[in-house]
C-alpha atoms as a PDB file:
ATOM      1  CA  MET A   1      15.702   4.145   5.551  1.00  0.00           C
ATOM      2  CA  LYS A   2      18.272   6.417   7.456  1.00  0.00           C
ATOM      3  CA  ILE A   3      22.030   5.529   7.307  1.00  0.00           C
ATOM      4  CA  LEU A   4      24.147   8.172   8.987  1.00  0.00           C
ATOM      5  CA  GLY A   5      21.553  10.760   8.726  1.00  0.00           C
ATOM      6  CA  PHE A   6      20.966  10.259   5.128  1.00  0.00           C
ATOM      7  CA  ASN A   7      17.478   9.183   3.790  1.00  0.00           C
ATOM      8  CA  TYR A   8      18.249   6.059   1.340  1.00  0.00           C
ATOM      9  CA  SER A   9      15.474   4.654  -0.728  1.00  0.00           C
ATOM     10  CA  LEU A  10      15.078   0.848  -1.100  1.00  0.00           C
ATOM     11  CA  GLU A  11      14.255  -0.046  -4.680  1.00  0.00           C
ATOM     12  CA  ARG A  12      13.547  -3.502  -6.354  1.00  0.00           C
ATOM     13  CA  SER A  13      15.406  -2.304  -9.608  1.00  0.00           C
ATOM     14  CA  LEU A  14      18.008  -4.818 -10.379  1.00  0.00           C
ATOM     15  CA  PRO A  15      16.892  -7.390 -13.222  1.00  0.00           C
ATOM     16  CA  HIS A  16      16.590 -11.077 -12.319  1.00  0.00           C
ATOM     17  CA  ASP A  17      19.925 -11.673 -14.161  1.00  0.00           C
ATOM     18  CA  ALA A  18      22.054  -9.102 -12.384  1.00  0.00           C
ATOM     19  CA  LYS A  19      25.395 -10.240 -10.971  1.00  0.00           C
ATOM     20  CA  PHE A  20      24.377  -8.872  -7.553  1.00  0.00           C
ATOM     21  CA  MET A  21      21.384  -9.365  -5.162  1.00  0.00           C
ATOM     22  CA  GLY A  22      21.908  -5.568  -4.326  1.00  0.00           C
ATOM     23  CA  VAL A  23      23.985  -2.490  -4.763  1.00  0.00           C
ATOM     24  CA  ALA A  24      24.589   0.273  -2.538  1.00  0.00           C
ATOM     25  CA  ASP A  25      24.561   3.739  -4.554  1.00  0.00           C
ATOM     26  CA  SER A  26      25.817   6.267  -1.834  1.00  0.00           C
ATOM     27  CA  ASP A  27      25.914   9.059  -4.483  1.00  0.00           C
ATOM     28  CA  ASN A  28      22.351   8.806  -5.286  1.00  0.00           C
ATOM     29  CA  LEU A  29      21.238   7.664  -1.749  1.00  0.00           C
ATOM     30  CA  LYS A  30      19.770   4.517  -2.880  1.00  0.00           C
ATOM     31  CA  ILE A  31      20.146   0.664  -2.400  1.00  0.00           C
ATOM     32  CA  GLN A  32      18.825  -1.280  -5.161  1.00  0.00           C
ATOM     33  CA  LEU A  33      17.576  -4.749  -4.748  1.00  0.00           C
ATOM     34  CA  SER A  34      17.189  -7.830  -6.926  1.00  0.00           C
ATOM     35  CA  ASP A  35      13.606  -8.117  -8.243  1.00  0.00           C
ATOM     36  CA  LYS A  36      13.711 -11.808  -7.814  1.00  0.00           C
ATOM     37  CA  PRO A  37      11.186 -13.017  -5.433  1.00  0.00           C
ATOM     38  CA  TYR A  38      13.728 -14.118  -2.612  1.00  0.00           C
ATOM     39  CA  PRO A  39      12.252 -15.133   0.674  1.00  0.00           C
ATOM     40  CA  ASN A  40      12.000 -12.299   3.386  1.00  0.00           C
ATOM     41  CA  GLU A  41      14.765 -13.359   5.492  1.00  0.00           C
ATOM     42  CA  ARG A  42      17.310 -13.271   2.417  1.00  0.00           C
ATOM     43  CA  MET A  43      16.000  -9.738   1.453  1.00  0.00           C
ATOM     44  CA  ILE A  44      16.613  -8.339   5.066  1.00  0.00           C
ATOM     45  CA  GLU A  45      20.116  -9.751   4.925  1.00  0.00           C
ATOM     46  CA  VAL A  46      20.724  -8.055   1.678  1.00  0.00           C
ATOM     47  CA  ILE A  47      19.511  -4.944   2.992  1.00  0.00           C
ATOM     48  CA  LEU A  48      21.593  -5.049   5.984  1.00  0.00           C
ATOM     49  CA  HIS A  49      24.665  -6.061   3.702  1.00  0.00           C
ATOM     50  CA  GLU A  50      24.047  -3.183   1.412  1.00  0.00           C
ATOM     51  CA  SER A  51      23.706  -0.919   4.320  1.00  0.00           C
ATOM     52  CA  ILE A  52      27.153  -1.860   5.597  1.00  0.00           C
ATOM     53  CA  HIS A  53      28.368  -1.000   2.066  1.00  0.00           C
ATOM     54  CA  ALA A  54      26.682   2.422   2.356  1.00  0.00           C
ATOM     55  CA  ILE A  55      28.115   2.932   5.823  1.00  0.00           C
ATOM     56  CA  SER A  56      31.790   1.918   4.417  1.00  0.00           C
ATOM     57  CA  ASN A  57      31.108   4.331   1.528  1.00  0.00           C
ATOM     58  CA  GLU A  58      30.280   7.264   3.583  1.00  0.00           C
ATOM     59  CA  LEU A  59      32.986   6.859   6.250  1.00  0.00           C
ATOM     60  CA  GLU A  60      35.446   5.866   3.499  1.00  0.00           C
ATOM     61  CA  LEU A  61      36.244   2.641   5.475  1.00  0.00           C
ATOM     62  CA  HIS A  62      37.040   0.694   2.170  1.00  0.00           C
ATOM     63  CA  LEU A  63      35.752  -2.522   3.754  1.00  0.00           C
ATOM     64  CA  PRO A  64      36.630  -5.489   1.609  1.00  0.00           C
ATOM     65  CA  GLU A  65      33.610  -7.566   0.397  1.00  0.00           C
ATOM     66  CA  ARG A  66      34.452 -10.582   2.523  1.00  0.00           C
ATOM     67  CA  THR A  67      34.259  -8.138   5.636  1.00  0.00           C
ATOM     68  CA  VAL A  68      30.857  -6.696   4.696  1.00  0.00           C
ATOM     69  CA  LEU A  69      29.450 -10.316   3.919  1.00  0.00           C
ATOM     70  CA  CYS A  70      30.837 -11.691   7.405  1.00  0.00           C
ATOM     71  CA  LEU A  71      29.331  -8.632   9.169  1.00  0.00           C
ATOM     72  CA  SER A  72      25.909  -8.653   7.586  1.00  0.00           C
ATOM     73  CA  ALA A  73      25.401 -12.253   8.098  1.00  0.00           C
ATOM     74  CA  THR A  74      26.473 -11.944  11.805  1.00  0.00           C
ATOM     75  CA  ILE A  75      24.441  -8.934  12.648  1.00  0.00           C
ATOM     76  CA  TYR A  76      21.394 -10.475  10.833  1.00  0.00           C
ATOM     77  CA  GLN A  77      21.932 -13.657  13.004  1.00  0.00           C
ATOM     78  CA  ILE A  78      22.354 -11.744  16.523  1.00  0.00           C
ATOM     79  CA  LEU A  79      19.247  -9.463  15.639  1.00  0.00           C
ATOM     80  CA  ASN A  80      17.055 -12.380  14.427  1.00  0.00           C
ATOM     81  CA  ASP A  81      18.061 -14.982  17.315  1.00  0.00           C
ATOM     82  CA  ASN A  82      17.409 -12.170  19.870  1.00  0.00           C
ATOM     83  CA  GLY A  83      13.734 -11.493  18.920  1.00  0.00           C
ATOM     84  CA  VAL A  84      14.499  -8.282  16.707  1.00  0.00           C
ATOM     85  CA  ASP A  85      11.688  -7.927  14.199  1.00  0.00           C
ATOM     86  CA  LEU A  86      13.487  -6.681  11.164  1.00  0.00           C
ATOM     87  CA  ASN A  87      10.406  -7.122   8.857  1.00  0.00           C
ATOM     88  CA  PRO A  88       9.773  -3.457   8.838  1.00  0.00           C
ATOM     89  CA  LEU A  89      12.796  -3.116   6.660  1.00  0.00           C
ATOM     90  CA  LEU A  90      10.704  -4.676   3.996  1.00  0.00           C
ATOM     91  CA  LYS A  91       8.073  -2.057   4.142  1.00  0.00           C
ATOM     92  CA  GLU A  92      10.620   0.526   3.032  1.00  0.00           C
ATOM     93  CA  ILE A  93      11.070  -1.016  -0.482  1.00  0.00           C
ATOM     94  CA  LYS A  94       9.624   0.705  -3.502  1.00  0.00           C
END
């Protein structure tokens, strides 16, 4: 998945007991996702959430977690309610 021109990989590599559902690793250009079987809608929102973290990291915005949470939930809602198919994001997961 491209973020600001960088090719980020999406990986289900966080264990079930991980503290987070996802982690953005800008140094290694990857987004790690929980390997728990969450519903597709939740995983898409997590991908958006971690993408915002990656953007914040790349642009040195230092967005607080609460801001990232609000942005990801709102962006997901706007795109989903307006018929944008976000399911192709799930096909990027390795």
